[in-house]
Amino acid sequence: MPTISPPPAFFDTLDEMPNPFKQPVKSLHHLLSEPSDDALADYQYASEFIYSYRGSPDTFSTYRREIEHFLHWCLVVSKKSLNQIVREDIESYVEFSKQPPDNWIGKKNVARFLLRQGERIPNTDWRPYVHSSGEFVVSQAAIQSLFSVLSSFFNFLIQEKYLAANPVAQIRQKSKFLRKQQSQGKIRRLSPLQWDFVIETAESMAAEQPLLHERTLFIMNALFAMYLRISELVDTSRWQPQMGHFQADQEGDWWFSTVGKGNKEREISVSDAMLEALKRYRLSRSLPGLPAPGESTPLIHKTRGKGGIGSTRQIRGIVQKCFDQAAQKMRDNGFVEDAERLGAATVHWLRHTGISEDVKHRPREHVRDDAGHGSSAITDRYIDVERAERHASARQKLIK
């Protein structure tokens, strides 16, 4: 196949994406040099489908990524419209996704669009696929996500009477793409040593620049101690985290209310240490130590302007800066391998780390409810005792 130039980002961020129901797209010439006659309709339906998931930042990002990748393949690689896609095309697309062209793969995440003279234009440094080092590998979870989102998309197109059939549903043997695992994969989390360096780094940053990094320290504490997802810290149309969501019950026990995955509300028990972290953060903002009932002060404040942070990208940037400084401190102290592994960590690892530490000494049902897990089976994945014992019993096996 001849080399194909990487396409631009097709869809903007959650905050910047225009409402396609109110502002239909009139042209694709800013994205494609020679769009087909059906491409505009394909793009319009895709925009409406993605925009419908704007209530959840995580879900929106997942659906945008999968639909964008698929439209890139349809309109740029195969030159086919959605109404021409059949089962064999889906299988070809899956193979393409497992090994996209090298020039479609970036080494780091960059902004999708840039602001130029009041207009948002595609960032030429952006790439559809990203990996930081080594060979590009697609996980089983990623393939599963691909099938799930595309199937939902085609069902949506059928409901809109744009298509007559779902080509994803016609693939009878997805097993050639998806392997069943006998055991669950290893939970990605920080080691105790890595977490010690991370939280100590956050404390040092807060001591050196309190106006900026007391917020950093609180974010790290909240992600670890309350197992929060990144989307549970940002302002969205469905939920605006506020100080008043920390509240005491009649016994004087403190809880934090949030809306998480699947738009489900839950209460998280607040430990004494987390309550002290909250007091410290509030005092740094010239607020009373504890919030008043119903207090509407944004939980994670903007450093400029009013209101709470509304971008998961900004939270990721705050956490990543702390990770980077912690990794450097680890290198300076001789923990080079641990520092390299910390370089692969993401924000979500803090949630995994907090759950993994707590499940060692708290009843799993308590951890399950605080984490918002649908079942104890999910929480059980964080228990390493059986895995450790299994390896210990095998250590002394003889071969000769």
Protein backbone atom coordinates (compact mmCIF):
# COMPACT_ATOMS: atom_id res chain seq x y z
CA MET A 1 0.00 0.00 0.00
CA PRO A 2 1.40 3.46 -0.89
CA THR A 3 2.22 5.78 1.97
CA ILE A 4 -0.84 7.74 3.07
CA SER A 5 -0.40 11.06 4.83
CA PRO A 6 -1.82 11.08 8.36
CA PRO A 7 -5.28 12.65 8.50
CA PRO A 8 -6.13 15.58 10.79
CA ALA A 9 -8.32 15.24 13.85
CA PHE A 10 -11.92 15.03 12.69
CA PHE A 11 -13.59 15.99 15.98
CA ASP A 12 -12.79 18.61 18.59
CA THR A 13 -12.65 18.34 22.38
CA LEU A 14 -15.76 17.95 24.53
CA ASP A 15 -15.69 21.65 25.47
CA GLU A 16 -15.10 22.92 21.94
CA MET A 17 -17.14 20.54 19.78
CA PRO A 18 -20.08 22.45 18.28
CA ASN A 19 -23.56 21.01 18.69
CA PRO A 20 -24.10 19.14 15.38
CA PHE A 21 -27.86 19.16 15.88
CA LYS A 22 -27.88 22.97 15.93
CA GLN A 23 -24.86 23.59 13.69
CA PRO A 24 -24.80 20.97 10.91
CA VAL A 25 -21.49 20.66 9.08
CA LYS A 26 -21.67 22.28 5.64
CA SER A 27 -18.30 21.23 4.21
CA LEU A 28 -15.41 18.83 4.86
CA HIS A 29 -12.82 20.58 2.73
CA HIS A 30 -11.04 21.72 5.89
CA LEU A 31 -10.47 18.03 6.72
CA LEU A 32 -10.34 16.23 3.38
CA SER A 33 -8.95 17.41 0.05
CA GLU A 34 -11.50 15.50 -2.02
CA PRO A 35 -14.47 14.41 0.12
CA SER A 36 -16.90 12.03 -1.53
CA ASP A 37 -20.56 12.90 -2.05
CA ASP A 38 -21.62 10.78 0.95
CA ALA A 39 -18.77 11.85 3.24
CA LEU A 40 -20.61 14.90 4.55
CA ALA A 41 -23.62 12.83 5.61
CA ASP A 42 -21.32 10.20 7.16
CA TYR A 43 -19.54 12.89 9.15
CA GLN A 44 -22.78 14.55 10.25
CA TYR A 45 -24.22 11.29 11.61
CA ALA A 46 -20.92 10.46 13.31
CA SER A 47 -20.87 13.91 14.95
CA GLU A 48 -24.40 13.47 16.26
CA PHE A 49 -23.57 10.01 17.62
CA ILE A 50 -20.43 11.21 19.43
CA TYR A 51 -22.06 14.38 20.75
CA SER A 52 -24.83 12.31 22.31
CA TYR A 53 -22.27 10.99 24.80
CA ARG A 54 -21.14 14.41 26.01
CA GLY A 55 -22.60 13.72 29.50
CA SER A 56 -19.56 11.62 30.40
CA PRO A 57 -16.05 12.89 29.50
CA ASP A 58 -14.55 9.39 29.55
CA THR A 59 -17.28 7.85 27.40
CA PHE A 60 -17.18 10.81 25.02
CA SER A 61 -13.41 10.40 24.57
CA THR A 62 -13.71 6.65 23.96
CA TYR A 63 -16.49 6.99 21.39
CA ARG A 64 -14.81 9.92 19.66
CA ARG A 65 -11.55 7.96 19.35
CA GLU A 66 -13.17 4.82 17.94
CA ILE A 67 -15.46 6.62 15.50
CA GLU A 68 -12.70 8.97 14.39
CA HIS A 69 -10.31 6.07 13.71
CA PHE A 70 -13.01 4.29 11.74
CA LEU A 71 -13.92 7.36 9.65
CA HIS A 72 -10.22 7.91 8.95
CA TRP A 73 -10.03 4.40 7.54
CA CYS A 74 -13.30 4.72 5.59
CA LEU A 75 -12.74 8.13 4.05
CA VAL A 76 -8.94 8.25 3.76
CA VAL A 77 -7.74 4.65 3.35
CA SER A 78 -10.53 2.61 1.76
CA LYS A 79 -12.33 5.57 0.13
CA LYS A 80 -15.69 4.07 1.11
CA SER A 81 -18.79 5.64 2.58
CA LEU A 82 -20.60 4.09 5.51
CA ASN A 83 -23.37 2.79 3.27
CA GLN A 84 -20.75 0.74 1.36
CA ILE A 85 -19.23 -0.97 4.41
CA VAL A 86 -19.78 -4.73 4.66
CA ARG A 87 -18.52 -7.43 7.02
CA GLU A 88 -15.26 -7.94 5.15
CA ASP A 89 -14.50 -4.22 5.45
CA ILE A 90 -14.84 -4.36 9.22
CA GLU A 91 -12.38 -7.25 9.34
CA SER A 92 -9.96 -5.31 7.12
CA TYR A 93 -10.31 -2.30 9.38
CA VAL A 94 -9.52 -4.34 12.49
CA GLU A 95 -6.33 -5.60 10.86
CA PHE A 96 -5.45 -2.03 9.91
CA SER A 97 -6.02 -0.88 13.49
CA LYS A 98 -3.64 -3.52 14.80
CA GLN A 99 -0.86 -2.16 12.60
CA PRO A 100 -1.53 1.40 11.38
CA PRO A 101 1.05 3.18 9.20
CA ASP A 102 4.09 4.42 11.12
CA ASN A 103 3.43 8.01 10.09
CA TRP A 104 -0.04 7.79 11.71
CA ILE A 105 1.52 7.04 15.11
CA GLY A 106 2.69 9.85 17.40
CA LYS A 107 5.02 9.54 20.37
CA LYS A 108 3.02 11.80 22.68
CA ASN A 109 -0.42 13.32 23.06
CA VAL A 110 -0.78 16.78 21.59
CA ALA A 111 -3.71 19.16 21.15
CA ARG A 112 -6.14 18.22 18.39
CA PHE A 113 -6.75 21.80 17.31
CA LEU A 114 -4.96 25.11 17.73
CA LEU A 115 -6.46 28.57 18.09
CA ARG A 116 -5.35 30.90 15.31
CA GLN A 117 -6.87 34.39 15.08
CA GLY A 118 -10.00 33.23 16.85
CA GLU A 119 -10.42 30.14 14.65
CA ARG A 120 -9.71 26.55 15.65
CA ILE A 121 -7.57 24.79 13.05
CA PRO A 122 -6.26 21.17 12.99
CA ASN A 123 -2.88 20.72 14.69
CA THR A 124 -0.47 19.27 12.11
CA ASP A 125 1.51 17.55 14.90
CA TRP A 126 -1.51 15.50 15.99
CA ARG A 127 -1.64 11.79 15.06
CA PRO A 128 -4.58 9.33 15.27
CA TYR A 129 -2.58 6.73 17.21
CA VAL A 130 -0.08 7.27 20.03
CA HIS A 131 2.58 5.20 21.74
CA SER A 132 5.52 6.50 23.73
CA SER A 133 8.12 3.82 23.12
CA GLY A 134 8.73 0.39 21.65
CA GLU A 135 6.53 -1.41 19.14
CA PHE A 136 2.92 -0.32 18.66
CA VAL A 137 0.73 -2.99 20.26
CA VAL A 138 -3.07 -3.08 20.42
CA SER A 139 -4.48 -4.65 23.57
CA GLN A 140 -7.39 -7.05 23.71
CA ALA A 141 -9.33 -4.41 25.63
CA ALA A 142 -8.79 -1.97 22.75
CA ILE A 143 -10.08 -4.47 20.19
CA GLN A 144 -13.09 -5.17 22.40
CA SER A 145 -13.75 -1.42 22.64
CA LEU A 146 -13.51 -1.11 18.85
CA PHE A 147 -16.14 -3.81 18.27
CA SER A 148 -18.44 -2.48 21.00
CA VAL A 149 -18.45 1.16 19.88
CA LEU A 150 -18.72 0.38 16.16
CA SER A 151 -21.64 -1.98 16.78
CA SER A 152 -23.42 0.76 18.75
CA PHE A 153 -22.67 3.25 15.98
CA PHE A 154 -24.13 1.03 13.26
CA ASN A 155 -27.22 0.34 15.37
CA PHE A 156 -27.62 4.11 15.71
CA LEU A 157 -27.38 4.50 11.92
CA ILE A 158 -30.03 1.81 11.48
CA GLN A 159 -32.34 3.60 13.93
CA GLU A 160 -31.78 6.82 11.97
CA LYS A 161 -32.74 4.88 8.82
CA TYR A 162 -29.39 5.74 7.24
CA LEU A 163 -28.32 2.09 6.93
CA ALA A 164 -30.17 -1.20 6.73
CA ALA A 165 -27.73 -3.61 8.42
CA ASN A 166 -25.00 -3.77 11.08
CA PRO A 167 -21.85 -5.27 9.50
CA VAL A 168 -20.21 -5.71 12.93
CA ALA A 169 -23.05 -7.96 14.06
CA GLN A 170 -22.52 -10.08 10.94
CA ILE A 171 -19.03 -11.11 12.06
CA ARG A 172 -19.75 -14.53 13.51
CA GLN A 173 -16.24 -15.39 14.65
CA LYS A 174 -14.87 -12.42 16.53
CA SER A 175 -12.74 -14.95 18.40
CA LYS A 176 -10.09 -14.68 15.68
CA PHE A 177 -9.60 -11.10 16.87
CA LEU A 178 -10.47 -11.48 20.55
CA ARG A 179 -8.77 -13.98 22.84
CA LYS A 180 -10.42 -15.15 26.03
CA GLN A 181 -8.15 -14.83 29.01
CA GLN A 182 -8.08 -17.59 31.60
CA SER A 183 -7.24 -15.06 34.30
CA GLN A 184 -7.60 -11.32 34.58
CA GLY A 185 -4.66 -9.18 33.55
CA LYS A 186 -2.47 -7.48 36.10
CA ILE A 187 -3.87 -4.26 37.53
CA ARG A 188 -1.66 -1.33 36.57
CA ARG A 189 -0.67 0.64 39.64
CA LEU A 190 2.19 2.31 41.41
CA SER A 191 4.46 0.36 43.74
CA PRO A 192 4.62 1.52 47.39
CA LEU A 193 8.04 3.04 46.65
CA GLN A 194 6.75 4.92 43.61
CA TRP A 195 3.72 6.23 45.52
CA ASP A 196 5.97 7.42 48.38
CA PHE A 197 8.06 9.42 45.92
CA VAL A 198 4.97 10.78 44.15
CA ILE A 199 3.18 12.03 47.28
CA GLU A 200 6.39 13.41 48.79
CA THR A 201 7.04 15.24 45.52
CA ALA A 202 3.53 16.71 45.61
CA GLU A 203 4.12 17.87 49.18
CA SER A 204 7.43 19.49 48.18
CA MET A 205 5.79 21.23 45.23
CA ALA A 206 3.04 22.55 47.53
CA ALA A 207 5.61 23.83 50.04
CA GLU A 208 7.60 25.62 47.33
CA GLN A 209 4.67 27.09 45.37
CA PRO A 210 1.56 26.88 47.56
CA LEU A 211 -0.62 29.12 45.38
CA LEU A 212 -0.21 26.69 42.50
CA HIS A 213 0.55 23.30 43.98
CA GLU A 214 -1.63 23.01 47.08
CA ARG A 215 -4.20 22.14 44.41
CA THR A 216 -1.80 19.55 42.95
CA LEU A 217 -1.38 17.94 46.37
CA PHE A 218 -5.13 17.80 46.97
CA ILE A 219 -5.75 16.23 43.55
CA MET A 220 -3.16 13.50 44.21
CA ASN A 221 -4.65 12.81 47.64
CA ALA A 222 -8.21 12.65 46.30
CA LEU A 223 -7.37 10.34 43.40
CA PHE A 224 -5.54 7.94 45.72
CA ALA A 225 -7.54 8.12 48.95
CA MET A 226 -11.04 8.22 47.44
CA TYR A 227 -10.31 6.18 44.27
CA LEU A 228 -11.73 8.97 42.11
CA ARG A 229 -11.74 8.79 38.35
CA ILE A 230 -10.35 11.85 36.62
CA SER A 231 -13.82 12.67 35.23
CA GLU A 232 -15.13 12.92 38.79
CA LEU A 233 -12.92 15.95 39.47
CA VAL A 234 -13.97 18.13 36.52
CA ASP A 235 -17.03 20.25 35.81
CA THR A 236 -19.33 18.73 33.20
CA SER A 237 -22.90 19.30 32.07
CA ARG A 238 -24.05 16.42 34.27
CA TRP A 239 -22.05 17.17 37.44
CA GLN A 240 -20.07 20.01 39.00
CA PRO A 241 -17.98 18.77 41.96
CA GLN A 242 -18.30 21.24 44.84
CA MET A 243 -16.95 21.60 48.35
CA GLY A 244 -20.46 20.96 49.66
CA HIS A 245 -20.28 17.42 48.29
CA PHE A 246 -18.13 16.72 51.34
CA GLN A 247 -20.66 16.40 54.14
CA ALA A 248 -20.94 14.91 57.63
CA ASP A 249 -23.77 12.58 58.66
CA GLN A 250 -25.56 12.56 62.01
CA GLU A 251 -22.76 10.49 63.57
CA GLY A 252 -20.16 13.01 62.48
CA ASP A 253 -18.71 10.73 59.80
CA TRP A 254 -17.69 12.48 56.58
CA TRP A 255 -18.69 11.37 53.09
CA PHE A 256 -18.05 12.62 49.57
CA SER A 257 -20.84 12.44 46.99
CA THR A 258 -20.01 12.09 43.30
CA VAL A 259 -21.43 10.96 39.98
CA GLY A 260 -19.26 8.40 38.26
CA LYS A 261 -19.19 5.88 35.46
CA GLY A 262 -22.58 5.12 33.96
CA ASN A 263 -23.95 8.35 35.47
CA LYS A 264 -24.28 6.58 38.84
CA GLU A 265 -24.29 8.52 42.09
CA ARG A 266 -22.33 7.14 45.01
CA GLU A 267 -21.09 8.15 48.44
CA ILE A 268 -17.44 7.60 49.34
CA SER A 269 -16.32 7.30 52.94
CA VAL A 270 -13.77 9.99 53.80
CA SER A 271 -10.85 8.91 55.97
CA ASP A 272 -9.39 11.11 58.70
CA ALA A 273 -6.27 11.60 56.56
CA MET A 274 -8.37 12.67 53.56
CA LEU A 275 -10.32 15.06 55.77
CA GLU A 276 -7.04 16.63 56.92
CA ALA A 277 -5.99 16.93 53.25
CA LEU A 278 -9.26 18.72 52.54
CA LYS A 279 -8.73 21.12 55.46
CA ARG A 280 -5.21 21.93 54.26
CA TYR A 281 -6.43 22.59 50.71
CA ARG A 282 -9.30 24.80 51.90
CA LEU A 283 -7.10 26.84 54.22
CA SER A 284 -4.68 27.44 51.33
CA ARG A 285 -7.65 28.95 49.48
CA SER A 286 -8.56 31.17 52.47
CA LEU A 287 -11.65 29.10 53.20
CA PRO A 288 -12.77 27.73 56.59
CA GLY A 289 -11.28 24.33 57.40
CA LEU A 290 -14.45 22.39 56.62
CA PRO A 291 -17.19 23.12 54.08
CA ALA A 292 -20.62 24.31 55.13
CA PRO A 293 -23.63 22.20 54.15
CA GLY A 294 -24.53 22.91 50.53
CA GLU A 295 -21.41 25.02 49.91
CA SER A 296 -21.14 25.62 46.16
CA THR A 297 -17.43 26.53 45.99
CA PRO A 298 -15.86 24.57 43.08
CA LEU A 299 -13.86 21.58 44.31
CA ILE A 300 -10.91 21.97 41.92
CA HIS A 301 -10.55 25.68 41.24
CA LYS A 302 -9.10 27.36 38.20
CA THR A 303 -5.95 29.38 38.87
CA ARG A 304 -7.30 32.03 36.50
CA GLY A 305 -10.92 32.97 36.25
CA LYS A 306 -13.88 31.68 38.19
CA GLY A 307 -15.38 28.22 38.45
CA GLY A 308 -13.96 24.73 38.47
CA ILE A 309 -11.66 23.03 36.01
CA GLY A 310 -13.71 21.63 33.14
CA SER A 311 -10.98 19.77 31.26
CA THR A 312 -9.67 16.29 32.02
CA ARG A 313 -6.63 17.23 29.93
CA GLN A 314 -5.73 19.92 32.47
CA ILE A 315 -6.01 17.49 35.38
CA ARG A 316 -3.82 15.02 33.48
CA GLY A 317 -1.25 17.76 32.93
CA ILE A 318 -1.17 18.58 36.66
CA VAL A 319 -0.71 14.93 37.61
CA GLN A 320 1.85 14.31 34.88
CA LYS A 321 4.00 17.20 36.08
CA CYS A 322 4.08 15.60 39.54
CA PHE A 323 4.87 12.18 38.05
CA ASP A 324 7.73 13.65 36.00
CA GLN A 325 9.32 15.37 38.99
CA ALA A 326 8.91 12.25 41.13
CA ALA A 327 10.54 10.11 38.44
CA GLN A 328 13.51 12.47 38.32
CA LYS A 329 13.89 12.27 42.10
CA MET A 330 13.84 8.47 41.84
CA ARG A 331 16.64 8.59 39.26
CA ASP A 332 18.62 10.96 41.47
CA ASN A 333 18.28 8.45 44.31
CA GLY A 334 19.36 5.49 42.20
CA PHE A 335 15.94 3.96 41.52
CA VAL A 336 16.33 4.10 37.76
CA GLU A 337 14.13 1.14 36.79
CA ASP A 338 11.33 2.29 39.10
CA ALA A 339 11.58 5.76 37.57
CA GLU A 340 11.25 4.31 34.06
CA ARG A 341 8.16 2.35 35.04
CA LEU A 342 6.69 5.47 36.62
CA GLY A 343 7.13 7.11 33.22
CA ALA A 344 4.44 4.79 31.85
CA ALA A 345 1.92 5.62 34.60
CA THR A 346 -1.35 7.43 33.93
CA VAL A 347 -3.76 9.28 36.21
CA HIS A 348 -5.99 6.20 36.46
CA TRP A 349 -3.16 4.27 38.11
CA LEU A 350 -3.72 6.36 41.25
CA ARG A 351 -7.26 4.98 41.57
CA HIS A 352 -5.93 1.45 41.06
CA THR A 353 -3.16 2.07 43.61
CA GLY A 354 -5.56 3.34 46.26
CA ILE A 355 -7.92 0.41 45.82
CA SER A 356 -5.07 -2.11 45.85
CA GLU A 357 -3.66 -0.72 49.09
CA ASP A 358 -7.03 -0.55 50.87
CA VAL A 359 -8.23 -4.00 49.87
CA LYS A 360 -5.30 -5.40 51.90
CA HIS A 361 -6.87 -4.32 55.18
CA ARG A 362 -10.46 -3.17 54.55
CA PRO A 363 -13.44 -5.48 53.93
CA ARG A 364 -13.70 -5.88 50.17
CA GLU A 365 -17.41 -4.94 50.24
CA HIS A 366 -16.49 -1.56 51.73
CA VAL A 367 -13.84 -0.97 49.09
CA ARG A 368 -16.26 -2.14 46.40
CA ASP A 369 -18.89 0.43 47.39
CA ASP A 370 -16.42 3.31 47.76
CA ALA A 371 -14.89 2.48 44.36
CA GLY A 372 -18.29 2.17 42.68
CA HIS A 373 -17.59 -1.34 41.42
CA GLY A 374 -20.62 -3.16 40.07
CA SER A 375 -19.66 -6.39 41.83
CA SER A 376 -17.15 -7.81 44.30
CA ALA A 377 -15.62 -9.80 41.43
CA ILE A 378 -14.17 -6.56 40.07
CA THR A 379 -12.75 -5.65 43.47
CA ASP A 380 -11.27 -9.14 43.78
CA ARG A 381 -8.97 -8.37 40.85
CA TYR A 382 -7.05 -6.03 43.16
CA ILE A 383 -6.23 -8.78 45.66
CA ASP A 384 -2.72 -10.08 45.03
CA VAL A 385 -2.48 -12.55 47.92
CA GLU A 386 -3.44 -15.66 45.94
CA ARG A 387 -1.19 -14.62 43.06
CA ALA A 388 1.76 -14.13 45.42
CA GLU A 389 1.16 -17.46 47.18
CA ARG A 390 0.82 -19.22 43.83
CA HIS A 391 4.21 -17.95 42.75
CA ALA A 392 5.81 -18.74 46.12
CA SER A 393 4.67 -22.36 45.90
CA ALA A 394 6.23 -22.63 42.47
CA ARG A 395 9.54 -21.00 43.31
CA GLN A 396 11.28 -24.15 44.56
CA LYS A 397 10.07 -26.47 41.79
CA LEU A 398 12.89 -28.58 40.34
CA ILE A 399 13.49 -29.37 36.71
CA LYS A 400 16.50 -31.60 37.23
